Amino acid sequence: MSRGGIARPTAQPHATRRGTMTVTETVKGPASYFPSIEKKYGRSIEEWRSIIRSSGMHTWKELMALLKTEYGMGHAHANALVLDSLRNG
């Protein structure tokens, strides 16, 4: 738990196959929030990316306000989506 009693998600492991070995990789950064965003808000990450792209907004501040006010998203979830979108165009 972090300040204020808000739980932060931990990195999400997933398995991949490399040759005959299965290697478990850990998802870090904004993408670690994606499973909980999809579950809580009922839209896929690709749908959220589409909403962000079609908004016509380009700054972190504008996009955060959009997700928080129009979609009722919490700060951490909105931040994860906005950072992902800004980094990946």
PDB file of N, CA and C in Angstrom:
ATOM      1  N   MET A   1       0.840  -1.181   0.000  1.00  0.00           N
ATOM      2  CA  MET A   1       0.000   0.000   0.000  1.00  0.00           C
ATOM      3  C   MET A   1       0.879   1.236   0.000  1.00  0.00           C
ATOM      4  N   SER A   2       0.368   2.269  -0.609  1.00  0.00           N
ATOM      5  CA  SER A   2       1.099   3.522  -0.651  1.00  0.00           C
ATOM      6  C   SER A   2       0.426   4.523   0.261  1.00  0.00           C
ATOM      7  N   ARG A   3       0.843   5.764   0.144  1.00  0.00           N
ATOM      8  CA  ARG A   3       0.252   6.825   0.956  1.00  0.00           C
ATOM      9  C   ARG A   3      -1.252   6.852   0.792  1.00  0.00           C
ATOM     10  N   GLY A   4      -1.959   7.184   1.836  1.00  0.00           N
ATOM     11  CA  GLY A   4      -3.396   7.351   1.778  1.00  0.00           C
ATOM     12  C   GLY A   4      -4.163   6.042   1.684  1.00  0.00           C
ATOM     13  N   GLY A   5      -3.500   4.912   1.855  1.00  0.00           N
ATOM     14  CA  GLY A   5      -4.190   3.636   1.840  1.00  0.00           C
ATOM     15  C   GLY A   5      -4.615   3.164   0.461  1.00  0.00           C
ATOM     16  N   ILE A   6      -4.061   3.753  -0.599  1.00  0.00           N
ATOM     17  CA  ILE A   6      -4.422   3.357  -1.954  1.00  0.00           C
ATOM     18  C   ILE A   6      -3.483   2.249  -2.395  1.00  0.00           C
ATOM     19  N   ALA A   7      -4.066   1.119  -2.760  1.00  0.00           N
ATOM     20  CA  ALA A   7      -3.249  -0.006  -3.203  1.00  0.00           C
ATOM     21  C   ALA A   7      -2.765   0.239  -4.626  1.00  0.00           C
ATOM     22  N   ARG A   8      -1.518  -0.016  -4.878  1.00  0.00           N
ATOM     23  CA  ARG A   8      -0.941   0.104  -6.212  1.00  0.00           C
ATOM     24  C   ARG A   8      -0.798  -1.303  -6.779  1.00  0.00           C
ATOM     25  N   PRO A   9      -1.100  -1.479  -8.046  1.00  0.00           N
ATOM     26  CA  PRO A   9      -0.972  -2.823  -8.607  1.00  0.00           C
ATOM     27  C   PRO A   9       0.494  -3.239  -8.679  1.00  0.00           C
ATOM     28  N   THR A  10       0.682  -4.514  -8.534  1.00  0.00           N
ATOM     29  CA  THR A  10       2.034  -5.037  -8.678  1.00  0.00           C
ATOM     30  C   THR A  10       2.244  -5.435 -10.128  1.00  0.00           C
ATOM     31  N   ALA A  11       3.475  -5.617 -10.505  1.00  0.00           N
ATOM     32  CA  ALA A  11       3.775  -6.029 -11.876  1.00  0.00           C
ATOM     33  C   ALA A  11       3.082  -7.347 -12.167  1.00  0.00           C
ATOM     34  N   GLN A  12       2.547  -7.475 -13.364  1.00  0.00           N
ATOM     35  CA  GLN A  12       1.805  -8.663 -13.763  1.00  0.00           C
ATOM     36  C   GLN A  12       2.699  -9.612 -14.555  1.00  0.00           C
ATOM     37  N   PRO A  13       2.963 -10.818 -14.017  1.00  0.00           N
ATOM     38  CA  PRO A  13       3.802 -11.752 -14.776  1.00  0.00           C
ATOM     39  C   PRO A  13       3.004 -12.424 -15.882  1.00  0.00           C
ATOM     40  N   HIS A  14       3.650 -12.785 -16.949  1.00  0.00           N
ATOM     41  CA  HIS A  14       3.034 -13.599 -17.982  1.00  0.00           C
ATOM     42  C   HIS A  14       4.099 -14.484 -18.597  1.00  0.00           C
ATOM     43  N   ALA A  15       3.677 -15.635 -19.065  1.00  0.00           N
ATOM     44  CA  ALA A  15       4.631 -16.613 -19.589  1.00  0.00           C
ATOM     45  C   ALA A  15       4.711 -16.504 -21.101  1.00  0.00           C
ATOM     46  N   THR A  16       5.898 -16.672 -21.619  1.00  0.00           N
ATOM     47  CA  THR A  16       6.103 -16.739 -23.065  1.00  0.00           C
ATOM     48  C   THR A  16       6.958 -17.958 -23.358  1.00  0.00           C
ATOM     49  N   ARG A  17       6.860 -18.461 -24.578  1.00  0.00           N
ATOM     50  CA  ARG A  17       7.654 -19.625 -24.954  1.00  0.00           C
ATOM     51  C   ARG A  17       8.825 -19.181 -25.803  1.00  0.00           C
ATOM     52  N   ARG A  18       9.985 -19.620 -25.453  1.00  0.00           N
ATOM     53  CA  ARG A  18      11.193 -19.369 -26.230  1.00  0.00           C
ATOM     54  C   ARG A  18      11.838 -20.724 -26.472  1.00  0.00           C
ATOM     55  N   GLY A  19      11.703 -21.191 -27.690  1.00  0.00           N
ATOM     56  CA  GLY A  19      12.220 -22.515 -27.992  1.00  0.00           C
ATOM     57  C   GLY A  19      11.424 -23.547 -27.226  1.00  0.00           C
ATOM     58  N   THR A  20      12.098 -24.354 -26.423  1.00  0.00           N
ATOM     59  CA  THR A  20      11.419 -25.368 -25.627  1.00  0.00           C
ATOM     60  C   THR A  20      11.229 -24.938 -24.183  1.00  0.00           C
ATOM     61  N   MET A  21      11.662 -23.718 -23.839  1.00  0.00           N
ATOM     62  CA  MET A  21      11.576 -23.218 -22.479  1.00  0.00           C
ATOM     63  C   MET A  21      10.440 -22.215 -22.335  1.00  0.00           C
ATOM     64  N   THR A  22       9.760 -22.232 -21.222  1.00  0.00           N
ATOM     65  CA  THR A  22       8.790 -21.196 -20.905  1.00  0.00           C
ATOM     66  C   THR A  22       9.469 -20.204 -19.970  1.00  0.00           C
ATOM     67  N   VAL A  23       9.427 -18.933 -20.346  1.00  0.00           N
ATOM     68  CA  VAL A  23      10.064 -17.880 -19.566  1.00  0.00           C
ATOM     69  C   VAL A  23       8.970 -16.956 -19.054  1.00  0.00           C
ATOM     70  N   THR A  24       8.999 -16.668 -17.769  1.00  0.00           N
ATOM     71  CA  THR A  24       8.023 -15.748 -17.198  1.00  0.00           C
ATOM     72  C   THR A  24       8.614 -14.347 -17.220  1.00  0.00           C
ATOM     73  N   GLU A  25       7.896 -13.427 -17.879  1.00  0.00           N
ATOM     74  CA  GLU A  25       8.315 -12.036 -17.942  1.00  0.00           C
ATOM     75  C   GLU A  25       7.367 -11.210 -17.086  1.00  0.00           C
ATOM     76  N   THR A  26       7.853 -10.127 -16.541  1.00  0.00           N
ATOM     77  CA  THR A  26       7.033  -9.262 -15.715  1.00  0.00           C
ATOM     78  C   THR A  26       6.734  -7.982 -16.475  1.00  0.00           C
ATOM     79  N   VAL A  27       5.441  -7.644 -16.539  1.00  0.00           N
ATOM     80  CA  VAL A  27       5.017  -6.408 -17.191  1.00  0.00           C
ATOM     81  C   VAL A  27       5.198  -5.279 -16.184  1.00  0.00           C
ATOM     82  N   LYS A  28       5.891  -4.224 -16.609  1.00  0.00           N
ATOM     83  CA  LYS A  28       6.162  -3.092 -15.723  1.00  0.00           C
ATOM     84  C   LYS A  28       5.630  -1.805 -16.336  1.00  0.00           C
ATOM     85  N   GLY A  29       5.627  -0.757 -15.560  1.00  0.00           N
ATOM     86  CA  GLY A  29       5.218   0.554 -16.045  1.00  0.00           C
ATOM     87  C   GLY A  29       3.714   0.656 -16.207  1.00  0.00           C
ATOM     88  N   PRO A  30       3.271   1.589 -17.060  1.00  0.00           N
ATOM     89  CA  PRO A  30       1.838   1.812 -17.236  1.00  0.00           C
ATOM     90  C   PRO A  30       1.065   0.552 -17.624  1.00  0.00           C
ATOM     91  N   ALA A  31       1.681  -0.321 -18.400  1.00  0.00           N
ATOM     92  CA  ALA A  31       0.993  -1.533 -18.853  1.00  0.00           C
ATOM     93  C   ALA A  31       0.608  -2.449 -17.696  1.00  0.00           C
ATOM     94  N   SER A  32       1.250  -2.319 -16.550  1.00  0.00           N
ATOM     95  CA  SER A  32       0.896  -3.164 -15.411  1.00  0.00           C
ATOM     96  C   SER A  32      -0.514  -2.849 -14.896  1.00  0.00           C
ATOM     97  N   TYR A  33      -1.030  -1.681 -15.224  1.00  0.00           N
ATOM     98  CA  TYR A  33      -2.382  -1.292 -14.818  1.00  0.00           C
ATOM     99  C   TYR A  33      -3.459  -1.799 -15.800  1.00  0.00           C
ATOM    100  N   PHE A  34      -3.068  -2.208 -16.996  1.00  0.00           N
ATOM    101  CA  PHE A  34      -4.035  -2.503 -18.046  1.00  0.00           C
ATOM    102  C   PHE A  34      -5.061  -3.570 -17.677  1.00  0.00           C
ATOM    103  N   PRO A  35      -4.695  -4.692 -17.055  1.00  0.00           N
ATOM    104  CA  PRO A  35      -5.725  -5.680 -16.710  1.00  0.00           C
ATOM    105  C   PRO A  35      -6.796  -5.108 -15.773  1.00  0.00           C
ATOM    106  N   SER A  36      -6.390  -4.316 -14.787  1.00  0.00           N
ATOM    107  CA  SER A  36      -7.380  -3.758 -13.864  1.00  0.00           C
ATOM    108  C   SER A  36      -8.210  -2.658 -14.521  1.00  0.00           C
ATOM    109  N   ILE A  37      -7.639  -1.920 -15.465  1.00  0.00           N
ATOM    110  CA  ILE A  37      -8.402  -0.899 -16.194  1.00  0.00           C
ATOM    111  C   ILE A  37      -9.499  -1.569 -17.011  1.00  0.00           C
ATOM    112  N   GLU A  38      -9.144  -2.621 -17.730  1.00  0.00           N
ATOM    113  CA  GLU A  38     -10.138  -3.336 -18.543  1.00  0.00           C
ATOM    114  C   GLU A  38     -11.244  -3.909 -17.673  1.00  0.00           C
ATOM    115  N   LYS A  39     -10.876  -4.491 -16.550  1.00  0.00           N
ATOM    116  CA  LYS A  39     -11.868  -5.095 -15.652  1.00  0.00           C
ATOM    117  C   LYS A  39     -12.782  -4.046 -15.032  1.00  0.00           C
ATOM    118  N   LYS A  40     -12.203  -2.968 -14.536  1.00  0.00           N
ATOM    119  CA  LYS A  40     -12.985  -1.959 -13.816  1.00  0.00           C
ATOM    120  C   LYS A  40     -13.888  -1.136 -14.724  1.00  0.00           C
ATOM    121  N   TYR A  41     -13.391  -0.763 -15.916  1.00  0.00           N
ATOM    122  CA  TYR A  41     -14.141   0.159 -16.765  1.00  0.00           C
ATOM    123  C   TYR A  41     -14.818  -0.510 -17.957  1.00  0.00           C
ATOM    124  N   GLY A  42     -14.603  -1.809 -18.144  1.00  0.00           N
ATOM    125  CA  GLY A  42     -15.349  -2.572 -19.145  1.00  0.00           C
ATOM    126  C   GLY A  42     -15.008  -2.304 -20.600  1.00  0.00           C
ATOM    127  N   ARG A  43     -13.856  -1.726 -20.861  1.00  0.00           N
ATOM    128  CA  ARG A  43     -13.409  -1.489 -22.239  1.00  0.00           C
ATOM    129  C   ARG A  43     -11.994  -2.033 -22.383  1.00  0.00           C
ATOM    130  N   SER A  44     -11.684  -2.472 -23.599  1.00  0.00           N
ATOM    131  CA  SER A  44     -10.330  -2.963 -23.841  1.00  0.00           C
ATOM    132  C   SER A  44      -9.362  -1.774 -23.909  1.00  0.00           C
ATOM    133  N   ILE A  45      -8.092  -2.060 -23.758  1.00  0.00           N
ATOM    134  CA  ILE A  45      -7.067  -1.015 -23.842  1.00  0.00           C
ATOM    135  C   ILE A  45      -7.084  -0.392 -25.235  1.00  0.00           C
ATOM    136  N   GLU A  46      -7.315  -1.198 -26.250  1.00  0.00           N
ATOM    137  CA  GLU A  46      -7.382  -0.652 -27.612  1.00  0.00           C
ATOM    138  C   GLU A  46      -8.554   0.324 -27.759  1.00  0.00           C
ATOM    139  N   GLU A  47      -9.677   0.044 -27.099  1.00  0.00           N
ATOM    140  CA  GLU A  47     -10.806   0.994 -27.117  1.00  0.00           C
ATOM    141  C   GLU A  47     -10.408   2.309 -26.444  1.00  0.00           C
ATOM    142  N   TRP A  48      -9.717   2.221 -25.306  1.00  0.00           N
ATOM    143  CA  TRP A  48      -9.266   3.436 -24.623  1.00  0.00           C
ATOM    144  C   TRP A  48      -8.290   4.218 -25.489  1.00  0.00           C
ATOM    145  N   ARG A  49      -7.387   3.499 -26.152  1.00  0.00           N
ATOM    146  CA  ARG A  49      -6.445   4.174 -27.051  1.00  0.00           C
ATOM    147  C   ARG A  49      -7.184   4.893 -28.168  1.00  0.00           C
ATOM    148  N   SER A  50      -8.219   4.279 -28.694  1.00  0.00           N
ATOM    149  CA  SER A  50      -9.021   4.888 -29.758  1.00  0.00           C
ATOM    150  C   SER A  50      -9.730   6.150 -29.248  1.00  0.00           C
ATOM    151  N   ILE A  51     -10.273   6.076 -28.043  1.00  0.00           N
ATOM    152  CA  ILE A  51     -10.937   7.238 -27.440  1.00  0.00           C
ATOM    153  C   ILE A  51      -9.942   8.388 -27.304  1.00  0.00           C
ATOM    154  N   ILE A  52      -8.761   8.076 -26.831  1.00  0.00           N
ATOM    155  CA  ILE A  52      -7.728   9.107 -26.650  1.00  0.00           C
ATOM    156  C   ILE A  52      -7.316   9.695 -27.995  1.00  0.00           C
ATOM    157  N   ARG A  53      -7.068   8.825 -28.993  1.00  0.00           N
ATOM    158  CA  ARG A  53      -6.656   9.315 -30.323  1.00  0.00           C
ATOM    159  C   ARG A  53      -7.722  10.199 -30.956  1.00  0.00           C
ATOM    160  N   SER A  54      -8.971   9.812 -30.832  1.00  0.00           N
ATOM    161  CA  SER A  54     -10.048  10.553 -31.496  1.00  0.00           C
ATOM    162  C   SER A  54     -10.484  11.799 -30.725  1.00  0.00           C
ATOM    163  N   SER A  55      -9.940  12.014 -29.533  1.00  0.00           N
ATOM    164  CA  SER A  55     -10.351  13.166 -28.715  1.00  0.00           C
ATOM    165  C   SER A  55      -9.870  14.498 -29.282  1.00  0.00           C
ATOM    166  N   GLY A  56      -8.791  14.470 -30.066  1.00  0.00           N
ATOM    167  CA  GLY A  56      -8.220  15.707 -30.573  1.00  0.00           C
ATOM    168  C   GLY A  56      -7.361  16.430 -29.551  1.00  0.00           C
ATOM    169  N   MET A  57      -7.200  15.814 -28.377  1.00  0.00           N
ATOM    170  CA  MET A  57      -6.387  16.417 -27.323  1.00  0.00           C
ATOM    171  C   MET A  57      -4.984  15.835 -27.394  1.00  0.00           C
ATOM    172  N   HIS A  58      -3.990  16.642 -26.976  1.00  0.00           N
ATOM    173  CA  HIS A  58      -2.616  16.202 -27.141  1.00  0.00           C
ATOM    174  C   HIS A  58      -1.748  16.324 -25.890  1.00  0.00           C
ATOM    175  N   THR A  59      -2.206  17.062 -24.898  1.00  0.00           N
ATOM    176  CA  THR A  59      -1.371  17.237 -23.712  1.00  0.00           C
ATOM    177  C   THR A  59      -1.809  16.291 -22.602  1.00  0.00           C
ATOM    178  N   TRP A  60      -0.860  16.008 -21.711  1.00  0.00           N
ATOM    179  CA  TRP A  60      -1.151  15.143 -20.573  1.00  0.00           C
ATOM    180  C   TRP A  60      -2.330  15.698 -19.775  1.00  0.00           C
ATOM    181  N   LYS A  61      -2.295  17.001 -19.531  1.00  0.00           N
ATOM    182  CA  LYS A  61      -3.335  17.635 -18.714  1.00  0.00           C
ATOM    183  C   LYS A  61      -4.719  17.501 -19.343  1.00  0.00           C
ATOM    184  N   GLU A  62      -4.826  17.750 -20.639  1.00  0.00           N
ATOM    185  CA  GLU A  62      -6.114  17.639 -21.336  1.00  0.00           C
ATOM    186  C   GLU A  62      -6.643  16.207 -21.307  1.00  0.00           C
ATOM    187  N   LEU A  63      -5.759  15.262 -21.600  1.00  0.00           N
ATOM    188  CA  LEU A  63      -6.179  13.859 -21.657  1.00  0.00           C
ATOM    189  C   LEU A  63      -6.555  13.328 -20.276  1.00  0.00           C
ATOM    190  N   MET A  64      -5.832  13.746 -19.250  1.00  0.00           N
ATOM    191  CA  MET A  64      -6.186  13.343 -17.886  1.00  0.00           C
ATOM    192  C   MET A  64      -7.569  13.865 -17.521  1.00  0.00           C
ATOM    193  N   ALA A  65      -7.828  15.120 -17.833  1.00  0.00           N
ATOM    194  CA  ALA A  65      -9.135  15.709 -17.525  1.00  0.00           C
ATOM    195  C   ALA A  65     -10.245  14.970 -18.264  1.00  0.00           C
ATOM    196  N   LEU A  66     -10.006  14.628 -19.512  1.00  0.00           N
ATOM    197  CA  LEU A  66     -11.004  13.895 -20.300  1.00  0.00           C
ATOM    198  C   LEU A  66     -11.357  12.572 -19.629  1.00  0.00           C
ATOM    199  N   LEU A  67     -10.359  11.764 -19.330  1.00  0.00           N
ATOM    200  CA  LEU A  67     -10.617  10.437 -18.764  1.00  0.00           C
ATOM    201  C   LEU A  67     -11.238  10.512 -17.373  1.00  0.00           C
ATOM    202  N   LYS A  68     -10.824  11.485 -16.583  1.00  0.00           N
ATOM    203  CA  LYS A  68     -11.335  11.592 -15.232  1.00  0.00           C
ATOM    204  C   LYS A  68     -12.748  12.170 -15.183  1.00  0.00           C
ATOM    205  N   THR A  69     -13.019  13.195 -15.992  1.00  0.00           N
ATOM    206  CA  THR A  69     -14.337  13.842 -15.913  1.00  0.00           C
ATOM    207  C   THR A  69     -15.385  13.149 -16.786  1.00  0.00           C
ATOM    208  N   GLU A  70     -15.020  12.775 -17.991  1.00  0.00           N
ATOM    209  CA  GLU A  70     -15.992  12.181 -18.909  1.00  0.00           C
ATOM    210  C   GLU A  70     -16.232  10.686 -18.658  1.00  0.00           C
ATOM    211  N   TYR A  71     -15.227  10.004 -18.131  1.00  0.00           N
ATOM    212  CA  TYR A  71     -15.333   8.546 -17.963  1.00  0.00           C
ATOM    213  C   TYR A  71     -15.212   8.098 -16.511  1.00  0.00           C
ATOM    214  N   GLY A  72     -15.043   9.035 -15.584  1.00  0.00           N
ATOM    215  CA  GLY A  72     -14.990   8.713 -14.165  1.00  0.00           C
ATOM    216  C   GLY A  72     -13.792   7.866 -13.764  1.00  0.00           C
ATOM    217  N   MET A  73     -12.717   7.979 -14.511  1.00  0.00           N
ATOM    218  CA  MET A  73     -11.541   7.164 -14.260  1.00  0.00           C
ATOM    219  C   MET A  73     -10.722   7.759 -13.123  1.00  0.00           C
ATOM    220  N   GLY A  74     -10.126   6.893 -12.318  1.00  0.00           N
ATOM    221  CA  GLY A  74      -9.247   7.326 -11.246  1.00  0.00           C
ATOM    222  C   GLY A  74      -7.933   7.855 -11.807  1.00  0.00           C
ATOM    223  N   HIS A  75      -7.213   8.587 -10.983  1.00  0.00           N
ATOM    224  CA  HIS A  75      -5.983   9.242 -11.424  1.00  0.00           C
ATOM    225  C   HIS A  75      -4.932   8.253 -11.939  1.00  0.00           C
ATOM    226  N   ALA A  76      -4.673   7.203 -11.184  1.00  0.00           N
ATOM    227  CA  ALA A  76      -3.616   6.255 -11.572  1.00  0.00           C
ATOM    228  C   ALA A  76      -3.951   5.543 -12.881  1.00  0.00           C
ATOM    229  N   HIS A  77      -5.199   5.130 -13.045  1.00  0.00           N
ATOM    230  CA  HIS A  77      -5.596   4.457 -14.280  1.00  0.00           C
ATOM    231  C   HIS A  77      -5.534   5.416 -15.470  1.00  0.00           C
ATOM    232  N   ALA A  78      -6.038   6.623 -15.288  1.00  0.00           N
ATOM    233  CA  ALA A  78      -5.984   7.616 -16.359  1.00  0.00           C
ATOM    234  C   ALA A  78      -4.531   7.917 -16.726  1.00  0.00           C
ATOM    235  N   ASN A  79      -3.692   8.074 -15.729  1.00  0.00           N
ATOM    236  CA  ASN A  79      -2.284   8.374 -15.966  1.00  0.00           C
ATOM    237  C   ASN A  79      -1.604   7.253 -16.757  1.00  0.00           C
ATOM    238  N   ALA A  80      -1.897   6.008 -16.421  1.00  0.00           N
ATOM    239  CA  ALA A  80      -1.298   4.880 -17.141  1.00  0.00           C
ATOM    240  C   ALA A  80      -1.676   4.916 -18.618  1.00  0.00           C
ATOM    241  N   LEU A  81      -2.951   5.173 -18.920  1.00  0.00           N
ATOM    242  CA  LEU A  81      -3.392   5.234 -20.313  1.00  0.00           C
ATOM    243  C   LEU A  81      -2.801   6.428 -21.048  1.00  0.00           C
ATOM    244  N   VAL A  82      -2.776   7.575 -20.400  1.00  0.00           N
ATOM    245  CA  VAL A  82      -2.246   8.785 -21.041  1.00  0.00           C
ATOM    246  C   VAL A  82      -0.749   8.632 -21.310  1.00  0.00           C
ATOM    247  N   LEU A  83       0.000   8.148 -20.340  1.00  0.00           N
ATOM    248  CA  LEU A  83       1.437   7.958 -20.540  1.00  0.00           C
ATOM    249  C   LEU A  83       1.703   6.976 -21.672  1.00  0.00           C
ATOM    250  N   ASP A  84       0.952   5.886 -21.700  1.00  0.00           N
ATOM    251  CA  ASP A  84       1.097   4.909 -22.778  1.00  0.00           C
ATOM    252  C   ASP A  84       0.814   5.544 -24.141  1.00  0.00           C
ATOM    253  N   SER A  85      -0.245   6.319 -24.209  1.00  0.00           N
ATOM    254  CA  SER A  85      -0.630   6.967 -25.465  1.00  0.00           C
ATOM    255  C   SER A  85       0.395   7.993 -25.908  1.00  0.00           C
ATOM    256  N   LEU A  86       0.884   8.789 -24.982  1.00  0.00           N
ATOM    257  CA  LEU A  86       1.865   9.813 -25.343  1.00  0.00           C
ATOM    258  C   LEU A  86       3.198   9.192 -25.766  1.00  0.00           C
ATOM    259  N   ARG A  87       3.582   8.096 -25.135  1.00  0.00           N
ATOM    260  CA  ARG A  87       4.834   7.430 -25.496  1.00  0.00           C
ATOM    261  C   ARG A  87       4.751   6.708 -26.833  1.00  0.00           C
ATOM    262  N   ASN A  88       3.577   6.178 -27.135  1.00  0.00           N
ATOM    263  CA  ASN A  88       3.414   5.365 -28.347  1.00  0.00           C
ATOM    264  C   ASN A  88       2.700   6.085 -29.467  1.00  0.00           C
ATOM    265  N   GLY A  89       2.487   7.368 -29.320  1.00  0.00           N
ATOM    266  CA  GLY A  89       1.866   8.154 -30.382  1.00  0.00           C
ATOM    267  C   GLY A  89       0.445   7.818 -30.531  1.00  0.00           C
TER     268      GLY A  89
END
